[in-house]
């Protein structure tokens, strides 16, 4: 199941819609996969003290997490030469 993000189906509009849509949608669509793969390959992501992640949302105009997410990022590369 694919989502249409090119402002023809208004279920998901990450880049705006109509005359005011984002002109960088083409570049973002092409580079997103490479940026995410590089992030996951070069860094270890963890949660402090293996705490439980609270995924509850707030009821506002836009959905947001009720509590902020804390993530520890450490490099996988050897920094000593």
PDB file of N, CA and C in Angstrom:
ATOM      1  N   UNK A   1       0.846  -1.176   0.000  1.00  0.00           N
ATOM      2  CA  UNK A   1       0.000   0.000   0.000  1.00  0.00           C
ATOM      3  C   UNK A   1       0.890   1.238   0.000  1.00  0.00           C
ATOM      4  N   UNK A   2       0.790   2.054  -1.003  1.00  0.00           N
ATOM      5  CA  UNK A   2       1.583   3.267  -1.080  1.00  0.00           C
ATOM      6  C   UNK A   2       0.751   4.496  -0.747  1.00  0.00           C
ATOM      7  N   UNK A   3       1.409   5.480  -0.204  1.00  0.00           N
ATOM      8  CA  UNK A   3       0.743   6.745   0.081  1.00  0.00           C
ATOM      9  C   UNK A   3       1.112   7.762  -0.983  1.00  0.00           C
ATOM     10  N   UNK A   4       0.154   8.535  -1.400  1.00  0.00           N
ATOM     11  CA  UNK A   4       0.386   9.577  -2.391  1.00  0.00           C
ATOM     12  C   UNK A   4       0.713  10.868  -1.664  1.00  0.00           C
ATOM     13  N   UNK A   5       1.946  11.346  -1.768  1.00  0.00           N
ATOM     14  CA  UNK A   5       2.357  12.576  -1.087  1.00  0.00           C
ATOM     15  C   UNK A   5       2.448  13.754  -2.051  1.00  0.00           C
ATOM     16  N   UNK A   6       1.969  13.594  -3.250  1.00  0.00           N
ATOM     17  CA  UNK A   6       2.079  14.662  -4.251  1.00  0.00           C
ATOM     18  C   UNK A   6       0.783  15.447  -4.402  1.00  0.00           C
ATOM     19  N   UNK A   7       0.148  15.754  -3.284  1.00  0.00           N
ATOM     20  CA  UNK A   7      -1.008  16.640  -3.146  1.00  0.00           C
ATOM     21  C   UNK A   7      -2.202  16.309  -4.025  1.00  0.00           C
ATOM     22  N   UNK A   8      -2.396  15.032  -4.385  1.00  0.00           N
ATOM     23  CA  UNK A   8      -3.613  14.668  -5.098  1.00  0.00           C
ATOM     24  C   UNK A   8      -4.582  13.931  -4.187  1.00  0.00           C
ATOM     25  N   UNK A   9      -4.079  13.295  -3.144  1.00  0.00           N
ATOM     26  CA  UNK A   9      -4.913  12.638  -2.149  1.00  0.00           C
ATOM     27  C   UNK A   9      -4.622  13.326  -0.821  1.00  0.00           C
ATOM     28  N   UNK A  10      -5.604  13.957  -0.218  1.00  0.00           N
ATOM     29  CA  UNK A  10      -5.377  14.774   0.961  1.00  0.00           C
ATOM     30  C   UNK A  10      -5.365  13.976   2.264  1.00  0.00           C
ATOM     31  N   UNK A  11      -5.008  12.693   2.189  1.00  0.00           N
ATOM     32  CA  UNK A  11      -4.875  11.874   3.386  1.00  0.00           C
ATOM     33  C   UNK A  11      -3.574  12.209   4.114  1.00  0.00           C
ATOM     34  N   UNK A  12      -2.516  12.521   3.362  1.00  0.00           N
ATOM     35  CA  UNK A  12      -1.220  12.863   3.917  1.00  0.00           C
ATOM     36  C   UNK A  12      -0.608  13.951   3.046  1.00  0.00           C
ATOM     37  N   UNK A  13      -0.297  15.105   3.651  1.00  0.00           N
ATOM     38  CA  UNK A  13       0.245  16.224   2.884  1.00  0.00           C
ATOM     39  C   UNK A  13       1.517  16.736   3.568  1.00  0.00           C
ATOM     40  N   UNK A  14       2.634  16.012   3.478  1.00  0.00           N
ATOM     41  CA  UNK A  14       3.849  16.460   4.163  1.00  0.00           C
ATOM     42  C   UNK A  14       4.522  17.659   3.501  1.00  0.00           C
ATOM     43  N   UNK A  15       4.223  17.936   2.235  1.00  0.00           N
ATOM     44  CA  UNK A  15       4.876  19.024   1.511  1.00  0.00           C
ATOM     45  C   UNK A  15       3.910  20.128   1.105  1.00  0.00           C
ATOM     46  N   UNK A  16       2.756  20.219   1.751  1.00  0.00           N
ATOM     47  CA  UNK A  16       1.789  21.237   1.398  1.00  0.00           C
ATOM     48  C   UNK A  16       0.965  20.810   0.189  1.00  0.00           C
ATOM     49  N   UNK A  17       0.109  21.715  -0.267  1.00  0.00           N
ATOM     50  CA  UNK A  17      -0.761  21.384  -1.398  1.00  0.00           C
ATOM     51  C   UNK A  17      -1.098  22.641  -2.183  1.00  0.00           C
ATOM     52  N   UNK A  18      -1.541  22.426  -3.411  1.00  0.00           N
ATOM     53  CA  UNK A  18      -1.982  23.538  -4.238  1.00  0.00           C
ATOM     54  C   UNK A  18      -0.847  24.423  -4.703  1.00  0.00           C
ATOM     55  N   UNK A  19      -1.126  25.715  -4.832  1.00  0.00           N
ATOM     56  CA  UNK A  19      -0.128  26.671  -5.318  1.00  0.00           C
ATOM     57  C   UNK A  19       1.046  26.818  -4.354  1.00  0.00           C
ATOM     58  N   UNK A  20       0.836  26.528  -3.092  1.00  0.00           N
ATOM     59  CA  UNK A  20       1.864  26.744  -2.075  1.00  0.00           C
ATOM     60  C   UNK A  20       2.616  25.466  -1.701  1.00  0.00           C
ATOM     61  N   UNK A  21       2.635  24.492  -2.581  1.00  0.00           N
ATOM     62  CA  UNK A  21       3.346  23.254  -2.261  1.00  0.00           C
ATOM     63  C   UNK A  21       4.859  23.497  -2.267  1.00  0.00           C
ATOM     64  N   UNK A  22       5.585  22.613  -1.635  1.00  0.00           N
ATOM     65  CA  UNK A  22       7.039  22.736  -1.499  1.00  0.00           C
ATOM     66  C   UNK A  22       7.718  22.453  -2.838  1.00  0.00           C
ATOM     67  N   UNK A  23       8.577  23.361  -3.308  1.00  0.00           N
ATOM     68  CA  UNK A  23       9.264  23.104  -4.573  1.00  0.00           C
ATOM     69  C   UNK A  23      10.359  22.036  -4.453  1.00  0.00           C
ATOM     70  N   UNK A  24      10.738  21.657  -3.241  1.00  0.00           N
ATOM     71  CA  UNK A  24      11.792  20.670  -3.051  1.00  0.00           C
ATOM     72  C   UNK A  24      11.298  19.253  -2.896  1.00  0.00           C
ATOM     73  N   UNK A  25      10.044  18.967  -3.243  1.00  0.00           N
ATOM     74  CA  UNK A  25       9.498  17.620  -3.062  1.00  0.00           C
ATOM     75  C   UNK A  25      10.251  16.579  -3.884  1.00  0.00           C
ATOM     76  N   UNK A  26      10.698  16.923  -5.074  1.00  0.00           N
ATOM     77  CA  UNK A  26      11.434  15.971  -5.916  1.00  0.00           C
ATOM     78  C   UNK A  26      12.772  15.596  -5.294  1.00  0.00           C
ATOM     79  N   UNK A  27      13.522  16.598  -4.838  1.00  0.00           N
ATOM     80  CA  UNK A  27      14.812  16.335  -4.204  1.00  0.00           C
ATOM     81  C   UNK A  27      14.636  15.565  -2.902  1.00  0.00           C
ATOM     82  N   UNK A  28      13.652  15.942  -2.098  1.00  0.00           N
ATOM     83  CA  UNK A  28      13.417  15.254  -0.830  1.00  0.00           C
ATOM     84  C   UNK A  28      13.037  13.796  -1.049  1.00  0.00           C
ATOM     85  N   UNK A  29      12.213  13.540  -2.034  1.00  0.00           N
ATOM     86  CA  UNK A  29      11.791  12.161  -2.322  1.00  0.00           C
ATOM     87  C   UNK A  29      12.957  11.291  -2.778  1.00  0.00           C
ATOM     88  N   UNK A  30      13.921  11.881  -3.479  1.00  0.00           N
ATOM     89  CA  UNK A  30      15.055  11.109  -3.972  1.00  0.00           C
ATOM     90  C   UNK A  30      16.125  10.881  -2.910  1.00  0.00           C
ATOM     91  N   UNK A  31      16.322  11.824  -1.997  1.00  0.00           N
ATOM     92  CA  UNK A  31      17.420  11.721  -1.035  1.00  0.00           C
ATOM     93  C   UNK A  31      17.009  11.155   0.322  1.00  0.00           C
ATOM     94  N   UNK A  32      15.728  11.063   0.605  1.00  0.00           N
ATOM     95  CA  UNK A  32      15.265  10.598   1.910  1.00  0.00           C
ATOM     96  C   UNK A  32      15.788   9.208   2.259  1.00  0.00           C
ATOM     97  N   UNK A  33      15.729   8.281   1.324  1.00  0.00           N
ATOM     98  CA  UNK A  33      16.153   6.905   1.590  1.00  0.00           C
ATOM     99  C   UNK A  33      17.656   6.831   1.892  1.00  0.00           C
ATOM    100  N   UNK A  34      18.465   7.581   1.156  1.00  0.00           N
ATOM    101  CA  UNK A  34      19.910   7.554   1.374  1.00  0.00           C
ATOM    102  C   UNK A  34      20.283   8.181   2.714  1.00  0.00           C
ATOM    103  N   UNK A  35      19.640   9.266   3.078  1.00  0.00           N
ATOM    104  CA  UNK A  35      19.922   9.924   4.351  1.00  0.00           C
ATOM    105  C   UNK A  35      19.534   9.020   5.519  1.00  0.00           C
ATOM    106  N   UNK A  36      18.383   8.397   5.462  1.00  0.00           N
ATOM    107  CA  UNK A  36      17.941   7.502   6.526  1.00  0.00           C
ATOM    108  C   UNK A  36      18.848   6.272   6.630  1.00  0.00           C
ATOM    109  N   UNK A  37      19.239   5.684   5.507  1.00  0.00           N
ATOM    110  CA  UNK A  37      20.130   4.522   5.520  1.00  0.00           C
ATOM    111  C   UNK A  37      21.496   4.885   6.104  1.00  0.00           C
ATOM    112  N   UNK A  38      22.018   6.062   5.766  1.00  0.00           N
ATOM    113  CA  UNK A  38      23.313   6.502   6.302  1.00  0.00           C
ATOM    114  C   UNK A  38      23.226   6.718   7.805  1.00  0.00           C
ATOM    115  N   UNK A  39      22.141   7.320   8.274  1.00  0.00           N
ATOM    116  CA  UNK A  39      21.949   7.543   9.704  1.00  0.00           C
ATOM    117  C   UNK A  39      21.911   6.225  10.468  1.00  0.00           C
ATOM    118  N   UNK A  40      21.168   5.250   9.957  1.00  0.00           N
ATOM    119  CA  UNK A  40      21.060   3.962  10.628  1.00  0.00           C
ATOM    120  C   UNK A  40      22.354   3.156  10.552  1.00  0.00           C
ATOM    121  N   UNK A  41      23.143   3.340   9.500  1.00  0.00           N
ATOM    122  CA  UNK A  41      24.382   2.590   9.348  1.00  0.00           C
ATOM    123  C   UNK A  41      25.496   3.141  10.233  1.00  0.00           C
ATOM    124  N   UNK A  42      25.593   4.453  10.386  1.00  0.00           N
ATOM    125  CA  UNK A  42      26.737   5.061  11.059  1.00  0.00           C
ATOM    126  C   UNK A  42      26.530   5.375  12.531  1.00  0.00           C
ATOM    127  N   UNK A  43      25.300   5.238  13.044  1.00  0.00           N
ATOM    128  CA  UNK A  43      25.040   5.586  14.433  1.00  0.00           C
ATOM    129  C   UNK A  43      24.237   4.505  15.125  1.00  0.00           C
ATOM    130  N   UNK A  44      24.495   4.323  16.427  1.00  0.00           N
ATOM    131  CA  UNK A  44      23.681   3.467  17.281  1.00  0.00           C
ATOM    132  C   UNK A  44      22.701   4.355  18.016  1.00  0.00           C
ATOM    133  N   UNK A  45      21.428   4.031  17.948  1.00  0.00           N
ATOM    134  CA  UNK A  45      20.392   4.786  18.627  1.00  0.00           C
ATOM    135  C   UNK A  45      19.870   3.950  19.780  1.00  0.00           C
ATOM    136  N   UNK A  46      19.773   4.549  20.967  1.00  0.00           N
ATOM    137  CA  UNK A  46      19.257   3.822  22.127  1.00  0.00           C
ATOM    138  C   UNK A  46      18.477   4.795  23.012  1.00  0.00           C
ATOM    139  N   UNK A  47      17.807   4.220  23.997  1.00  0.00           N
ATOM    140  CA  UNK A  47      16.998   4.994  24.933  1.00  0.00           C
ATOM    141  C   UNK A  47      17.676   4.930  26.300  1.00  0.00           C
ATOM    142  N   UNK A  48      17.755   6.054  27.021  1.00  0.00           N
ATOM    143  CA  UNK A  48      18.411   6.047  28.338  1.00  0.00           C
ATOM    144  C   UNK A  48      17.763   5.032  29.286  1.00  0.00           C
ATOM    145  N   UNK A  49      18.577   4.213  29.919  1.00  0.00           N
ATOM    146  CA  UNK A  49      18.151   3.232  30.930  1.00  0.00           C
ATOM    147  C   UNK A  49      17.087   2.258  30.426  1.00  0.00           C
ATOM    148  N   UNK A  50      17.024   2.029  29.123  1.00  0.00           N
ATOM    149  CA  UNK A  50      16.009   1.140  28.525  1.00  0.00           C
ATOM    150  C   UNK A  50      14.615   1.449  29.033  1.00  0.00           C
ATOM    151  N   UNK A  51      14.287   2.728  29.129  1.00  0.00           N
ATOM    152  CA  UNK A  51      12.995   3.180  29.637  1.00  0.00           C
ATOM    153  C   UNK A  51      11.873   2.854  28.655  1.00  0.00           C
ATOM    154  N   UNK A  52      10.668   2.847  29.168  1.00  0.00           N
ATOM    155  CA  UNK A  52       9.473   2.627  28.348  1.00  0.00           C
ATOM    156  C   UNK A  52       9.206   3.880  27.508  1.00  0.00           C
ATOM    157  N   UNK A  53       8.834   3.707  26.257  1.00  0.00           N
ATOM    158  CA  UNK A  53       8.541   4.833  25.376  1.00  0.00           C
ATOM    159  C   UNK A  53       7.050   5.151  25.456  1.00  0.00           C
ATOM    160  N   UNK A  54       6.740   6.380  25.871  1.00  0.00           N
ATOM    161  CA  UNK A  54       5.358   6.826  25.964  1.00  0.00           C
ATOM    162  C   UNK A  54       4.925   7.369  24.609  1.00  0.00           C
ATOM    163  N   UNK A  55       3.992   6.706  23.948  1.00  0.00           N
ATOM    164  CA  UNK A  55       3.541   7.105  22.616  1.00  0.00           C
ATOM    165  C   UNK A  55       2.201   7.833  22.640  1.00  0.00           C
ATOM    166  N   UNK A  56       1.775   8.309  23.804  1.00  0.00           N
ATOM    167  CA  UNK A  56       0.503   9.030  23.863  1.00  0.00           C
ATOM    168  C   UNK A  56       0.628  10.380  23.160  1.00  0.00           C
ATOM    169  N   UNK A  57      -0.485  10.821  22.577  1.00  0.00           N
ATOM    170  CA  UNK A  57      -0.497  12.057  21.795  1.00  0.00           C
ATOM    171  C   UNK A  57      -1.349  13.116  22.484  1.00  0.00           C
ATOM    172  N   UNK A  58      -1.133  14.362  22.101  1.00  0.00           N
ATOM    173  CA  UNK A  58      -1.944  15.457  22.603  1.00  0.00           C
ATOM    174  C   UNK A  58      -3.087  15.716  21.630  1.00  0.00           C
ATOM    175  N   UNK A  59      -4.175  16.262  22.123  1.00  0.00           N
ATOM    176  CA  UNK A  59      -5.325  16.578  21.279  1.00  0.00           C
ATOM    177  C   UNK A  59      -5.290  18.070  20.948  1.00  0.00           C
ATOM    178  N   UNK A  60      -4.600  18.406  19.875  1.00  0.00           N
ATOM    179  CA  UNK A  60      -4.481  19.787  19.416  1.00  0.00           C
ATOM    180  C   UNK A  60      -4.796  19.831  17.932  1.00  0.00           C
ATOM    181  N   UNK A  61      -4.495  20.964  17.314  1.00  0.00           N
ATOM    182  CA  UNK A  61      -4.716  21.098  15.880  1.00  0.00           C
ATOM    183  C   UNK A  61      -3.857  20.097  15.106  1.00  0.00           C
ATOM    184  N   UNK A  62      -2.593  19.927  15.542  1.00  0.00           N
ATOM    185  CA  UNK A  62      -1.726  18.897  14.971  1.00  0.00           C
ATOM    186  C   UNK A  62      -1.390  17.896  16.057  1.00  0.00           C
ATOM    187  N   UNK A  63      -1.233  16.650  15.687  1.00  0.00           N
ATOM    188  CA  UNK A  63      -0.888  15.631  16.670  1.00  0.00           C
ATOM    189  C   UNK A  63       0.573  15.757  17.058  1.00  0.00           C
ATOM    190  N   UNK A  64       0.832  15.729  18.353  1.00  0.00           N
ATOM    191  CA  UNK A  64       2.193  15.773  18.870  1.00  0.00           C
ATOM    192  C   UNK A  64       2.290  14.796  20.032  1.00  0.00           C
ATOM    193  N   UNK A  65       3.514  14.362  20.310  1.00  0.00           N
ATOM    194  CA  UNK A  65       3.708  13.472  21.454  1.00  0.00           C
ATOM    195  C   UNK A  65       3.489  14.242  22.748  1.00  0.00           C
ATOM    196  N   UNK A  66       2.859  13.613  23.726  1.00  0.00           N
ATOM    197  CA  UNK A  66       2.600  14.261  25.011  1.00  0.00           C
ATOM    198  C   UNK A  66       3.904  14.462  25.778  1.00  0.00           C
ATOM    199  N   UNK A  67       4.825  13.520  25.674  1.00  0.00           N
ATOM    200  CA  UNK A  67       6.133  13.643  26.326  1.00  0.00           C
ATOM    201  C   UNK A  67       7.212  13.557  25.253  1.00  0.00           C
ATOM    202  N   UNK A  68       8.276  14.301  25.444  1.00  0.00           N
ATOM    203  CA  UNK A  68       9.343  14.294  24.448  1.00  0.00           C
ATOM    204  C   UNK A  68      10.114  12.973  24.499  1.00  0.00           C
ATOM    205  N   UNK A  69      10.684  12.608  23.381  1.00  0.00           N
ATOM    206  CA  UNK A  69      11.448  11.368  23.257  1.00  0.00           C
ATOM    207  C   UNK A  69      12.920  11.676  23.440  1.00  0.00           C
ATOM    208  N   UNK A  70      13.561  10.999  24.356  1.00  0.00           N
ATOM    209  CA  UNK A  70      14.996  11.154  24.577  1.00  0.00           C
ATOM    210  C   UNK A  70      15.717   9.972  23.942  1.00  0.00           C
ATOM    211  N   UNK A  71      16.705  10.277  23.117  1.00  0.00           N
ATOM    212  CA  UNK A  71      17.444   9.253  22.395  1.00  0.00           C
ATOM    213  C   UNK A  71      18.932   9.505  22.576  1.00  0.00           C
ATOM    214  N   UNK A  72      19.685   8.443  22.830  1.00  0.00           N
ATOM    215  CA  UNK A  72      21.141   8.532  22.903  1.00  0.00           C
ATOM    216  C   UNK A  72      21.704   8.113  21.548  1.00  0.00           C
ATOM    217  N   UNK A  73      22.544   8.959  20.995  1.00  0.00           N
ATOM    218  CA  UNK A  73      23.148   8.691  19.688  1.00  0.00           C
ATOM    219  C   UNK A  73      24.636   8.520  19.883  1.00  0.00           C
ATOM    220  N   UNK A  74      25.182   7.389  19.470  1.00  0.00           N
ATOM    221  CA  UNK A  74      26.617   7.164  19.564  1.00  0.00           C
ATOM    222  C   UNK A  74      27.123   6.672  18.220  1.00  0.00           C
ATOM    223  N   UNK A  75      28.329   7.089  17.882  1.00  0.00           N
ATOM    224  CA  UNK A  75      28.916   6.753  16.593  1.00  0.00           C
ATOM    225  C   UNK A  75      29.366   5.307  16.559  1.00  0.00           C
ATOM    226  N   UNK A  76      29.186   4.649  15.443  1.00  0.00           N
ATOM    227  CA  UNK A  76      29.662   3.290  15.249  1.00  0.00           C
ATOM    228  C   UNK A  76      31.086   3.279  14.715  1.00  0.00           C
ATOM    229  N   UNK A  77      31.538   4.408  14.206  1.00  0.00           N
ATOM    230  CA  UNK A  77      32.880   4.485  13.610  1.00  0.00           C
ATOM    231  C   UNK A  77      33.934   4.625  14.680  1.00  0.00           C
ATOM    232  N   UNK A  78      35.115   4.080  14.426  1.00  0.00           N
ATOM    233  CA  UNK A  78      36.227   4.201  15.333  1.00  0.00           C
ATOM    234  C   UNK A  78      36.826   5.600  15.158  1.00  0.00           C
ATOM    235  N   UNK A  79      36.793   6.418  16.212  1.00  0.00           N
ATOM    236  CA  UNK A  79      37.271   7.799  16.094  1.00  0.00           C
ATOM    237  C   UNK A  79      38.766   7.932  16.372  1.00  0.00           C
ATOM    238  N   UNK A  80      39.418   6.894  16.884  1.00  0.00           N
ATOM    239  CA  UNK A  80      40.861   6.948  17.126  1.00  0.00           C
ATOM    240  C   UNK A  80      41.592   6.439  15.905  1.00  0.00           C
ATOM    241  N   UNK A  81      42.688   7.072  15.601  1.00  0.00           N
ATOM    242  CA  UNK A  81      43.469   6.673  14.422  1.00  0.00           C
ATOM    243  C   UNK A  81      44.727   5.948  14.853  1.00  0.00           C
TER     244      UNK A  81
END
